Amino acid sequence: MVNMTVTDYYRILGIPADSSVEDIKKAYRQKARMYHPDLNHSPDAKDKFISATEAYEFLIANFERLNHSDESYREAMEYWRKYRMERARRRANSYARASYITFKKTKFYRATRIFDGTTIILGLAFSILVIVFAIYGYIYRIHNPIRGFKPGMSMILFMTVGMTFFVFSLVFLKAYIQDSARRKKKK
C-alpha cells in the first residue's frame, strides 16, 4: 500500500487543492459512479473506487487542518496513516463489493449530497410557480365558483408549501453565494 499525499488525494478526485467541501463531495460522487465495480467492469475500477473513497474520506476529515500551518498538515497526515487510512480502505472495499444501488443507500454516500447553483435556482423557480398558481387558482375560483367548494383552504395549503420551498431555497442560495465568495477570495 502506497502512502498518499494531499496532492495525490486531490489529483485522484480530479479537483484543485483550493476546492471547497462541496467541490470535494461533488467530485467524489462523480468518481464513485465512474469507478464503482458494479457499473465499471474494467480490471482497475475497484482499485480506483477504493482510492477515490480514501481520498474523499481524508479530505473531508482533514479539510480544516489542511489549510493551516505545516505542523497541522503533518499531524493530520500522521494521524491519518496511523489510525484511519486502513479502516477507510477496508470500508471502501466493502462498498466496492456491494451493488451500486446498495452503495447509494449507505449513510456514507448520502453524506456526499450537496446543493449546487442549478438545484437552488430550480428550487426557487418551483416555489415561485407554486405561489403564482396558488394565487391564480384562488382568483379563478372566486370568479368561477364551484358549489360547495371553498378555495381558501387549498390556497393556504399551496401558499404554505410554496413559501416553505421559497424560504429554504433562499437560505441555500445565501449559503451558496457566501461559499462562492469565500472561494473567490482564496484565489
N, C-alpha and C. Protein backbone atom coordinates (compact mmCIF):
# COMPACT_ATOMS: atom_id res chain seq x y z
N MET A 1 0.84 -1.18 0.00
CA MET A 1 0.00 0.00 0.00
C MET A 1 0.89 1.25 0.00
N VAL A 2 0.61 2.16 -0.91
CA VAL A 2 1.40 3.37 -1.06
C VAL A 2 0.81 4.46 -0.17
N ASN A 3 1.70 5.19 0.53
CA ASN A 3 1.23 6.32 1.32
C ASN A 3 0.98 7.50 0.39
N MET A 4 -0.23 7.99 0.43
CA MET A 4 -0.63 9.10 -0.43
C MET A 4 -0.34 10.42 0.26
N THR A 5 -0.22 11.46 -0.55
CA THR A 5 -0.10 12.81 -0.03
C THR A 5 -1.40 13.54 -0.33
N VAL A 6 -1.54 14.72 0.24
CA VAL A 6 -2.73 15.52 0.00
C VAL A 6 -2.87 15.83 -1.49
N THR A 7 -1.77 16.14 -2.12
CA THR A 7 -1.79 16.42 -3.56
C THR A 7 -2.31 15.21 -4.33
N ASP A 8 -1.89 14.02 -3.92
CA ASP A 8 -2.38 12.80 -4.57
C ASP A 8 -3.89 12.67 -4.41
N TYR A 9 -4.39 12.96 -3.22
CA TYR A 9 -5.82 12.83 -2.98
C TYR A 9 -6.63 13.81 -3.84
N TYR A 10 -6.17 15.04 -3.95
CA TYR A 10 -6.86 15.99 -4.83
C TYR A 10 -6.79 15.52 -6.29
N ARG A 11 -5.64 15.00 -6.69
CA ARG A 11 -5.47 14.53 -8.06
C ARG A 11 -6.40 13.36 -8.35
N ILE A 12 -6.54 12.45 -7.39
CA ILE A 12 -7.42 11.28 -7.57
C ILE A 12 -8.85 11.73 -7.82
N LEU A 13 -9.29 12.75 -7.10
CA LEU A 13 -10.65 13.25 -7.28
C LEU A 13 -10.77 14.21 -8.47
N GLY A 14 -9.61 14.62 -9.01
CA GLY A 14 -9.62 15.49 -10.18
C GLY A 14 -10.03 16.92 -9.89
N ILE A 15 -9.64 17.42 -8.73
CA ILE A 15 -10.00 18.78 -8.33
C ILE A 15 -8.77 19.54 -7.87
N PRO A 16 -8.82 20.88 -7.92
CA PRO A 16 -7.67 21.66 -7.46
C PRO A 16 -7.57 21.66 -5.93
N ALA A 17 -6.41 22.01 -5.43
CA ALA A 17 -6.15 21.98 -3.99
C ALA A 17 -6.94 23.02 -3.21
N ASP A 18 -7.46 24.04 -3.87
CA ASP A 18 -8.24 25.06 -3.15
C ASP A 18 -9.74 24.78 -3.24
N SER A 19 -10.13 23.54 -3.48
CA SER A 19 -11.53 23.17 -3.62
C SER A 19 -12.27 23.28 -2.29
N SER A 20 -13.56 23.56 -2.38
CA SER A 20 -14.41 23.63 -1.19
C SER A 20 -14.90 22.23 -0.82
N VAL A 21 -15.54 22.12 0.33
CA VAL A 21 -16.12 20.85 0.75
C VAL A 21 -17.15 20.38 -0.28
N GLU A 22 -17.94 21.31 -0.79
CA GLU A 22 -18.94 20.96 -1.79
C GLU A 22 -18.28 20.41 -3.06
N ASP A 23 -17.16 21.02 -3.46
CA ASP A 23 -16.43 20.54 -4.64
C ASP A 23 -15.91 19.12 -4.41
N ILE A 24 -15.42 18.86 -3.21
CA ILE A 24 -14.91 17.53 -2.87
C ILE A 24 -16.04 16.50 -2.92
N LYS A 25 -17.19 16.85 -2.34
CA LYS A 25 -18.33 15.93 -2.35
C LYS A 25 -18.80 15.66 -3.78
N LYS A 26 -18.90 16.70 -4.56
CA LYS A 26 -19.37 16.55 -5.94
C LYS A 26 -18.40 15.68 -6.74
N ALA A 27 -17.11 15.94 -6.59
CA ALA A 27 -16.10 15.16 -7.32
C ALA A 27 -16.15 13.69 -6.89
N TYR A 28 -16.32 13.46 -5.59
CA TYR A 28 -16.38 12.07 -5.12
C TYR A 28 -17.58 11.33 -5.70
N ARG A 29 -18.74 11.98 -5.71
CA ARG A 29 -19.93 11.34 -6.26
C ARG A 29 -19.70 10.95 -7.73
N GLN A 30 -19.04 11.83 -8.47
CA GLN A 30 -18.76 11.53 -9.88
C GLN A 30 -17.81 10.34 -10.00
N LYS A 31 -16.74 10.35 -9.20
CA LYS A 31 -15.76 9.26 -9.27
C LYS A 31 -16.36 7.95 -8.77
N ALA A 32 -17.19 8.01 -7.73
CA ALA A 32 -17.81 6.79 -7.21
C ALA A 32 -18.69 6.15 -8.28
N ARG A 33 -19.44 6.96 -8.97
CA ARG A 33 -20.29 6.42 -10.05
C ARG A 33 -19.42 5.91 -11.21
N MET A 34 -18.36 6.62 -11.51
CA MET A 34 -17.50 6.26 -12.63
C MET A 34 -16.75 4.94 -12.37
N TYR A 35 -16.31 4.72 -11.13
CA TYR A 35 -15.43 3.59 -10.85
C TYR A 35 -16.06 2.46 -10.03
N HIS A 36 -17.32 2.61 -9.62
CA HIS A 36 -17.89 1.52 -8.82
C HIS A 36 -17.90 0.24 -9.66
N PRO A 37 -17.35 -0.86 -9.13
CA PRO A 37 -17.23 -2.09 -9.91
C PRO A 37 -18.57 -2.64 -10.43
N ASP A 38 -19.65 -2.26 -9.80
CA ASP A 38 -20.97 -2.69 -10.27
C ASP A 38 -21.31 -2.03 -11.61
N LEU A 39 -20.76 -0.84 -11.85
CA LEU A 39 -21.04 -0.11 -13.09
C LEU A 39 -19.87 -0.13 -14.07
N ASN A 40 -18.66 -0.26 -13.55
CA ASN A 40 -17.46 -0.22 -14.38
C ASN A 40 -16.76 -1.57 -14.24
N HIS A 41 -16.70 -2.32 -15.33
CA HIS A 41 -16.17 -3.68 -15.26
C HIS A 41 -14.70 -3.78 -15.68
N SER A 42 -14.02 -2.65 -15.76
CA SER A 42 -12.60 -2.71 -16.11
C SER A 42 -11.82 -3.28 -14.92
N PRO A 43 -10.67 -3.89 -15.19
CA PRO A 43 -9.90 -4.56 -14.13
C PRO A 43 -9.43 -3.62 -13.00
N ASP A 44 -9.20 -2.35 -13.32
CA ASP A 44 -8.69 -1.45 -12.29
C ASP A 44 -9.77 -0.58 -11.64
N ALA A 45 -11.04 -0.83 -11.97
CA ALA A 45 -12.13 0.00 -11.44
C ALA A 45 -12.22 -0.08 -9.91
N LYS A 46 -12.09 -1.29 -9.37
CA LYS A 46 -12.21 -1.45 -7.92
C LYS A 46 -11.11 -0.66 -7.20
N ASP A 47 -9.88 -0.75 -7.68
CA ASP A 47 -8.78 -0.01 -7.05
C ASP A 47 -9.00 1.50 -7.14
N LYS A 48 -9.48 1.95 -8.28
CA LYS A 48 -9.75 3.38 -8.44
C LYS A 48 -10.89 3.83 -7.54
N PHE A 49 -11.91 2.99 -7.39
CA PHE A 49 -13.01 3.31 -6.48
C PHE A 49 -12.51 3.41 -5.04
N ILE A 50 -11.69 2.46 -4.63
CA ILE A 50 -11.15 2.47 -3.27
C ILE A 50 -10.27 3.71 -3.06
N SER A 51 -9.45 4.04 -4.03
CA SER A 51 -8.60 5.24 -3.92
C SER A 51 -9.44 6.51 -3.83
N ALA A 52 -10.50 6.60 -4.63
CA ALA A 52 -11.37 7.78 -4.59
C ALA A 52 -12.06 7.89 -3.24
N THR A 53 -12.51 6.76 -2.70
CA THR A 53 -13.16 6.78 -1.39
C THR A 53 -12.19 7.17 -0.30
N GLU A 54 -10.98 6.64 -0.36
CA GLU A 54 -9.94 7.01 0.60
C GLU A 54 -9.63 8.51 0.51
N ALA A 55 -9.49 9.01 -0.71
CA ALA A 55 -9.21 10.44 -0.91
C ALA A 55 -10.33 11.30 -0.34
N TYR A 56 -11.55 10.91 -0.62
CA TYR A 56 -12.70 11.66 -0.11
C TYR A 56 -12.70 11.69 1.42
N GLU A 57 -12.55 10.52 2.02
CA GLU A 57 -12.57 10.46 3.49
C GLU A 57 -11.47 11.31 4.10
N PHE A 58 -10.27 11.24 3.53
CA PHE A 58 -9.17 12.02 4.08
C PHE A 58 -9.45 13.52 3.95
N LEU A 59 -9.84 13.95 2.76
CA LEU A 59 -10.03 15.39 2.53
C LEU A 59 -11.17 15.95 3.36
N ILE A 60 -12.25 15.21 3.51
CA ILE A 60 -13.37 15.69 4.34
C ILE A 60 -12.98 15.71 5.81
N ALA A 61 -12.33 14.65 6.28
CA ALA A 61 -11.95 14.57 7.70
C ALA A 61 -10.92 15.62 8.09
N ASN A 62 -10.07 16.03 7.15
CA ASN A 62 -8.97 16.93 7.48
C ASN A 62 -9.07 18.28 6.77
N PHE A 63 -10.23 18.62 6.25
CA PHE A 63 -10.37 19.82 5.44
C PHE A 63 -9.87 21.07 6.16
N GLU A 64 -10.28 21.27 7.38
CA GLU A 64 -9.89 22.48 8.13
C GLU A 64 -8.40 22.49 8.45
N ARG A 65 -7.86 21.35 8.77
CA ARG A 65 -6.45 21.28 9.17
C ARG A 65 -5.50 21.50 8.00
N LEU A 66 -5.95 21.16 6.80
CA LEU A 66 -5.06 21.25 5.63
C LEU A 66 -4.77 22.69 5.23
N ASN A 67 -5.64 23.60 5.60
CA ASN A 67 -5.48 24.99 5.20
C ASN A 67 -4.78 25.83 6.27
N HIS A 68 -4.14 25.17 7.20
CA HIS A 68 -3.44 25.90 8.27
C HIS A 68 -1.93 25.69 8.14
N SER A 69 -1.28 25.57 9.23
CA SER A 69 0.19 25.51 9.25
C SER A 69 0.73 24.17 8.76
N ASP A 70 2.02 24.17 8.49
CA ASP A 70 2.69 22.94 8.09
C ASP A 70 2.62 21.89 9.20
N GLU A 71 2.69 22.35 10.43
CA GLU A 71 2.62 21.43 11.58
C GLU A 71 1.25 20.76 11.63
N SER A 72 0.20 21.52 11.41
CA SER A 72 -1.15 20.97 11.40
C SER A 72 -1.30 19.94 10.28
N TYR A 73 -0.74 20.25 9.13
CA TYR A 73 -0.76 19.32 7.99
C TYR A 73 -0.02 18.03 8.34
N ARG A 74 1.17 18.16 8.92
CA ARG A 74 1.97 16.99 9.28
C ARG A 74 1.21 16.11 10.28
N GLU A 75 0.59 16.73 11.28
CA GLU A 75 -0.18 15.99 12.28
C GLU A 75 -1.36 15.26 11.64
N ALA A 76 -2.03 15.93 10.73
CA ALA A 76 -3.17 15.31 10.04
C ALA A 76 -2.73 14.07 9.27
N MET A 77 -1.63 14.19 8.55
CA MET A 77 -1.14 13.05 7.76
C MET A 77 -0.71 11.90 8.68
N GLU A 78 -0.03 12.22 9.75
CA GLU A 78 0.44 11.20 10.68
C GLU A 78 -0.75 10.45 11.30
N TYR A 79 -1.72 11.21 11.79
CA TYR A 79 -2.91 10.60 12.40
C TYR A 79 -3.64 9.73 11.37
N TRP A 80 -3.78 10.25 10.16
CA TRP A 80 -4.47 9.51 9.11
C TRP A 80 -3.76 8.17 8.83
N ARG A 81 -2.47 8.22 8.68
CA ARG A 81 -1.73 7.00 8.36
C ARG A 81 -1.75 6.00 9.51
N LYS A 82 -1.73 6.47 10.74
CA LYS A 82 -1.71 5.57 11.89
C LYS A 82 -3.06 4.92 12.14
N TYR A 83 -4.12 5.70 12.08
CA TYR A 83 -5.39 5.23 12.61
C TYR A 83 -6.52 5.07 11.60
N ARG A 84 -6.54 5.85 10.56
CA ARG A 84 -7.75 5.88 9.75
C ARG A 84 -7.61 5.36 8.33
N MET A 85 -6.43 5.40 7.76
CA MET A 85 -6.28 5.05 6.36
C MET A 85 -6.69 3.61 6.07
N GLU A 86 -6.21 2.68 6.86
CA GLU A 86 -6.54 1.28 6.62
C GLU A 86 -8.03 1.02 6.81
N ARG A 87 -8.64 1.63 7.81
CA ARG A 87 -10.09 1.49 8.00
C ARG A 87 -10.86 2.03 6.81
N ALA A 88 -10.42 3.17 6.28
CA ALA A 88 -11.09 3.77 5.12
C ALA A 88 -10.99 2.84 3.92
N ARG A 89 -9.84 2.23 3.73
CA ARG A 89 -9.66 1.31 2.60
C ARG A 89 -10.52 0.06 2.75
N ARG A 90 -10.61 -0.47 3.97
CA ARG A 90 -11.46 -1.64 4.21
C ARG A 90 -12.94 -1.31 3.95
N ARG A 91 -13.36 -0.14 4.43
CA ARG A 91 -14.75 0.29 4.22
C ARG A 91 -15.02 0.47 2.72
N ALA A 92 -14.08 1.09 2.02
CA ALA A 92 -14.23 1.29 0.58
C ALA A 92 -14.29 -0.06 -0.15
N ASN A 93 -13.50 -1.02 0.32
CA ASN A 93 -13.52 -2.35 -0.28
C ASN A 93 -14.90 -2.99 -0.12
N SER A 94 -15.51 -2.83 1.05
CA SER A 94 -16.85 -3.40 1.24
C SER A 94 -17.88 -2.67 0.38
N TYR A 95 -17.74 -1.37 0.21
CA TYR A 95 -18.64 -0.63 -0.68
C TYR A 95 -18.47 -1.09 -2.12
N ALA A 96 -17.24 -1.41 -2.50
CA ALA A 96 -16.96 -1.87 -3.86
C ALA A 96 -17.59 -3.24 -4.12
N ARG A 97 -17.68 -4.06 -3.10
CA ARG A 97 -18.29 -5.40 -3.26
C ARG A 97 -19.81 -5.32 -3.34
N ALA A 98 -20.40 -4.27 -2.76
CA ALA A 98 -21.85 -4.13 -2.79
C ALA A 98 -22.29 -3.62 -4.17
N SER A 99 -23.56 -3.80 -4.47
CA SER A 99 -24.07 -3.24 -5.72
C SER A 99 -24.07 -1.72 -5.60
N TYR A 100 -24.06 -1.05 -6.74
CA TYR A 100 -24.04 0.41 -6.72
C TYR A 100 -25.31 0.95 -6.07
N ILE A 101 -26.42 0.33 -6.31
CA ILE A 101 -27.69 0.77 -5.71
C ILE A 101 -27.62 0.66 -4.19
N THR A 102 -27.08 -0.44 -3.70
CA THR A 102 -26.92 -0.61 -2.25
C THR A 102 -25.94 0.43 -1.70
N PHE A 103 -24.85 0.66 -2.43
CA PHE A 103 -23.87 1.66 -2.00
C PHE A 103 -24.51 3.05 -1.91
N LYS A 104 -25.35 3.41 -2.88
CA LYS A 104 -26.00 4.73 -2.87
C LYS A 104 -26.92 4.92 -1.67
N LYS A 105 -27.38 3.83 -1.09
CA LYS A 105 -28.28 3.90 0.07
C LYS A 105 -27.53 4.01 1.39
N THR A 106 -26.20 3.87 1.36
CA THR A 106 -25.44 3.92 2.60
C THR A 106 -25.41 5.34 3.16
N LYS A 107 -25.26 5.41 4.46
CA LYS A 107 -25.15 6.72 5.12
C LYS A 107 -23.92 7.47 4.59
N PHE A 108 -22.87 6.75 4.32
CA PHE A 108 -21.64 7.34 3.81
C PHE A 108 -21.90 8.09 2.50
N TYR A 109 -22.56 7.44 1.55
CA TYR A 109 -22.82 8.07 0.25
C TYR A 109 -23.82 9.21 0.39
N ARG A 110 -24.84 9.01 1.19
CA ARG A 110 -25.85 10.08 1.37
C ARG A 110 -25.23 11.34 1.95
N ALA A 111 -24.15 11.20 2.70
CA ALA A 111 -23.48 12.38 3.28
C ALA A 111 -22.78 13.23 2.22
N THR A 112 -22.64 12.70 1.01
CA THR A 112 -21.96 13.46 -0.04
C THR A 112 -22.92 14.35 -0.82
N ARG A 113 -24.20 14.32 -0.50
CA ARG A 113 -25.16 15.14 -1.24
C ARG A 113 -24.92 16.61 -0.99
N ILE A 114 -25.04 17.37 -2.06
CA ILE A 114 -24.89 18.82 -1.96
C ILE A 114 -25.94 19.49 -2.83
N PHE A 115 -26.10 20.74 -2.57
CA PHE A 115 -26.94 21.56 -3.43
C PHE A 115 -26.01 22.45 -4.25
N ASP A 116 -26.15 22.40 -5.55
CA ASP A 116 -25.37 23.29 -6.38
C ASP A 116 -26.26 24.44 -6.85
N GLY A 117 -25.68 25.37 -7.57
CA GLY A 117 -26.41 26.56 -8.00
C GLY A 117 -27.64 26.24 -8.83
N THR A 118 -27.52 25.26 -9.72
CA THR A 118 -28.65 24.89 -10.57
C THR A 118 -29.82 24.37 -9.74
N THR A 119 -29.53 23.50 -8.78
CA THR A 119 -30.58 22.94 -7.93
C THR A 119 -31.27 24.05 -7.15
N ILE A 120 -30.51 24.99 -6.65
CA ILE A 120 -31.08 26.08 -5.87
C ILE A 120 -31.97 26.96 -6.74
N ILE A 121 -31.51 27.31 -7.93
CA ILE A 121 -32.30 28.14 -8.84
C ILE A 121 -33.59 27.40 -9.23
N LEU A 122 -33.49 26.12 -9.51
CA LEU A 122 -34.70 25.35 -9.84
C LEU A 122 -35.67 25.32 -8.66
N GLY A 123 -35.14 25.21 -7.44
CA GLY A 123 -35.98 25.25 -6.25
C GLY A 123 -36.70 26.59 -6.12
N LEU A 124 -35.97 27.67 -6.37
CA LEU A 124 -36.59 29.00 -6.33
C LEU A 124 -37.68 29.13 -7.39
N ALA A 125 -37.40 28.69 -8.60
CA ALA A 125 -38.38 28.76 -9.69
C ALA A 125 -39.62 27.93 -9.36
N PHE A 126 -39.41 26.74 -8.84
CA PHE A 126 -40.53 25.88 -8.46
C PHE A 126 -41.39 26.54 -7.39
N SER A 127 -40.76 27.11 -6.38
CA SER A 127 -41.52 27.73 -5.30
C SER A 127 -42.32 28.92 -5.80
N ILE A 128 -41.72 29.71 -6.68
CA ILE A 128 -42.44 30.86 -7.24
C ILE A 128 -43.62 30.39 -8.08
N LEU A 129 -43.43 29.32 -8.86
CA LEU A 129 -44.53 28.77 -9.65
C LEU A 129 -45.68 28.31 -8.76
N VAL A 130 -45.36 27.61 -7.68
CA VAL A 130 -46.41 27.15 -6.77
C VAL A 130 -47.17 28.34 -6.18
N ILE A 131 -46.46 29.37 -5.78
CA ILE A 131 -47.11 30.55 -5.21
C ILE A 131 -47.99 31.23 -6.26
N VAL A 132 -47.48 31.41 -7.47
CA VAL A 132 -48.26 32.07 -8.54
C VAL A 132 -49.51 31.26 -8.86
N PHE A 133 -49.35 29.93 -8.99
CA PHE A 133 -50.52 29.11 -9.28
C PHE A 133 -51.53 29.11 -8.14
N ALA A 134 -51.07 29.17 -6.91
CA ALA A 134 -51.99 29.25 -5.77
C ALA A 134 -52.80 30.54 -5.83
N ILE A 135 -52.14 31.65 -6.11
CA ILE A 135 -52.84 32.93 -6.19
C ILE A 135 -53.79 32.94 -7.40
N TYR A 136 -53.29 32.47 -8.55
CA TYR A 136 -54.12 32.42 -9.74
C TYR A 136 -55.34 31.52 -9.52
N GLY A 137 -55.12 30.34 -8.93
CA GLY A 137 -56.23 29.42 -8.64
C GLY A 137 -57.26 30.03 -7.72
N TYR A 138 -56.79 30.75 -6.73
CA TYR A 138 -57.71 31.40 -5.79
C TYR A 138 -58.55 32.46 -6.51
N ILE A 139 -57.91 33.31 -7.31
CA ILE A 139 -58.63 34.35 -8.05
C ILE A 139 -59.60 33.71 -9.05
N TYR A 140 -59.15 32.66 -9.72
CA TYR A 140 -60.01 31.98 -10.69
C TYR A 140 -61.25 31.40 -10.01
N ARG A 141 -61.07 30.78 -8.85
CA ARG A 141 -62.20 30.19 -8.13
C ARG A 141 -63.15 31.25 -7.56
N ILE A 142 -62.64 32.40 -7.26
CA ILE A 142 -63.51 33.48 -6.77
C ILE A 142 -64.43 33.95 -7.91
N HIS A 143 -63.85 34.05 -9.12
CA HIS A 143 -64.63 34.49 -10.28
C HIS A 143 -65.47 33.36 -10.88
N ASN A 144 -65.08 32.13 -10.68
CA ASN A 144 -65.80 30.96 -11.21
C ASN A 144 -66.02 29.95 -10.09
N PRO A 145 -66.92 30.24 -9.17
CA PRO A 145 -67.09 29.36 -8.00
C PRO A 145 -67.71 28.01 -8.37
N ILE A 146 -67.36 27.04 -7.58
CA ILE A 146 -67.94 25.71 -7.67
C ILE A 146 -68.77 25.54 -6.41
N ARG A 147 -69.99 25.10 -6.57
CA ARG A 147 -70.88 24.95 -5.43
C ARG A 147 -70.28 23.97 -4.42
N GLY A 148 -70.22 24.37 -3.18
CA GLY A 148 -69.71 23.52 -2.10
C GLY A 148 -68.20 23.52 -1.95
N PHE A 149 -67.48 24.23 -2.80
CA PHE A 149 -66.02 24.26 -2.74
C PHE A 149 -65.57 25.64 -2.27
N LYS A 150 -64.78 25.66 -1.22
CA LYS A 150 -64.24 26.92 -0.71
C LYS A 150 -62.76 26.97 -1.05
N PRO A 151 -62.36 27.92 -1.87
CA PRO A 151 -60.97 27.97 -2.34
C PRO A 151 -59.95 28.40 -1.29
N GLY A 152 -60.38 28.91 -0.17
CA GLY A 152 -59.45 29.45 0.82
C GLY A 152 -58.47 28.43 1.39
N MET A 153 -58.94 27.23 1.74
CA MET A 153 -58.06 26.24 2.38
C MET A 153 -57.00 25.71 1.41
N SER A 154 -57.39 25.45 0.17
CA SER A 154 -56.40 24.94 -0.78
C SER A 154 -55.35 26.00 -1.09
N MET A 155 -55.79 27.27 -1.15
CA MET A 155 -54.82 28.34 -1.40
C MET A 155 -53.83 28.44 -0.24
N ILE A 156 -54.32 28.35 0.97
CA ILE A 156 -53.44 28.41 2.15
C ILE A 156 -52.43 27.26 2.11
N LEU A 157 -52.90 26.07 1.76
CA LEU A 157 -52.01 24.91 1.69
C LEU A 157 -50.93 25.13 0.63
N PHE A 158 -51.32 25.51 -0.58
CA PHE A 158 -50.34 25.73 -1.65
C PHE A 158 -49.40 26.90 -1.34
N MET A 159 -49.92 27.94 -0.75
CA MET A 159 -49.07 29.09 -0.39
C MET A 159 -48.05 28.67 0.67
N THR A 160 -48.49 27.85 1.63
CA THR A 160 -47.57 27.38 2.67
C THR A 160 -46.45 26.53 2.06
N VAL A 161 -46.82 25.61 1.17
CA VAL A 161 -45.82 24.78 0.50
C VAL A 161 -44.87 25.65 -0.31
N GLY A 162 -45.44 26.57 -1.10
CA GLY A 162 -44.62 27.46 -1.93
C GLY A 162 -43.69 28.33 -1.11
N MET A 163 -44.19 28.91 -0.04
CA MET A 163 -43.37 29.77 0.81
C MET A 163 -42.28 28.98 1.52
N THR A 164 -42.61 27.75 1.93
CA THR A 164 -41.61 26.90 2.58
C THR A 164 -40.46 26.61 1.62
N PHE A 165 -40.80 26.19 0.39
CA PHE A 165 -39.76 25.96 -0.62
C PHE A 165 -38.98 27.24 -0.89
N PHE A 166 -39.66 28.35 -0.95
CA PHE A 166 -39.02 29.63 -1.24
C PHE A 166 -38.01 29.99 -0.15
N VAL A 167 -38.42 29.87 1.09
CA VAL A 167 -37.52 30.21 2.21
C VAL A 167 -36.31 29.28 2.23
N PHE A 168 -36.54 27.96 2.08
CA PHE A 168 -35.41 27.03 2.06
C PHE A 168 -34.47 27.33 0.90
N SER A 169 -35.03 27.63 -0.26
CA SER A 169 -34.20 27.95 -1.42
C SER A 169 -33.37 29.20 -1.17
N LEU A 170 -33.96 30.21 -0.54
CA LEU A 170 -33.22 31.43 -0.23
C LEU A 170 -32.09 31.17 0.76
N VAL A 171 -32.35 30.34 1.75
CA VAL A 171 -31.31 30.01 2.73
C VAL A 171 -30.15 29.30 2.03
N PHE A 172 -30.46 28.32 1.19
CA PHE A 172 -29.40 27.61 0.47
C PHE A 172 -28.69 28.53 -0.52
N LEU A 173 -29.44 29.43 -1.15
CA LEU A 173 -28.83 30.38 -2.09
C LEU A 173 -27.85 31.29 -1.36
N LYS A 174 -28.24 31.76 -0.19
CA LYS A 174 -27.35 32.63 0.59
C LYS A 174 -26.06 31.87 0.96
N ALA A 175 -26.20 30.64 1.42
CA ALA A 175 -25.02 29.83 1.78
C ALA A 175 -24.15 29.58 0.55
N TYR A 176 -24.77 29.32 -0.59
CA TYR A 176 -24.03 29.06 -1.82
C TYR A 176 -23.26 30.31 -2.25
N ILE A 177 -23.89 31.48 -2.17
CA ILE A 177 -23.24 32.73 -2.55
C ILE A 177 -22.06 33.02 -1.62
N GLN A 178 -22.27 32.81 -0.31
CA GLN A 178 -21.19 33.04 0.64
C GLN A 178 -20.01 32.09 0.38
N ASP A 179 -20.31 30.84 0.10
CA ASP A 179 -19.25 29.88 -0.19
C ASP A 179 -18.52 30.25 -1.47
N SER A 180 -19.26 30.68 -2.49
CA SER A 180 -18.63 31.10 -3.74
C SER A 180 -17.72 32.30 -3.52
N ALA A 181 -18.18 33.26 -2.72
CA ALA A 181 -17.37 34.44 -2.42
C ALA A 181 -16.11 34.05 -1.66
N ARG A 182 -16.25 33.11 -0.72
CA ARG A 182 -15.10 32.65 0.07
C ARG A 182 -14.08 31.98 -0.85
N ARG A 183 -14.55 31.19 -1.81
CA ARG A 183 -13.63 30.53 -2.74
C ARG A 183 -12.93 31.53 -3.63
N LYS A 184 -13.63 32.58 -4.05
CA LYS A 184 -13.03 33.59 -4.91
C LYS A 184 -11.95 34.37 -4.15
N LYS A 185 -12.21 34.61 -2.85
CA LYS A 185 -11.22 35.32 -2.04
C LYS A 185 -9.94 34.52 -1.92
N LYS A 186 -10.06 33.19 -1.81
CA LYS A 186 -8.89 32.33 -1.68
C LYS A 186 -7.99 32.41 -2.90
N LYS A 187 -8.60 32.58 -4.06
CA LYS A 187 -7.83 32.63 -5.30
C LYS A 187 -7.18 33.95 -5.41
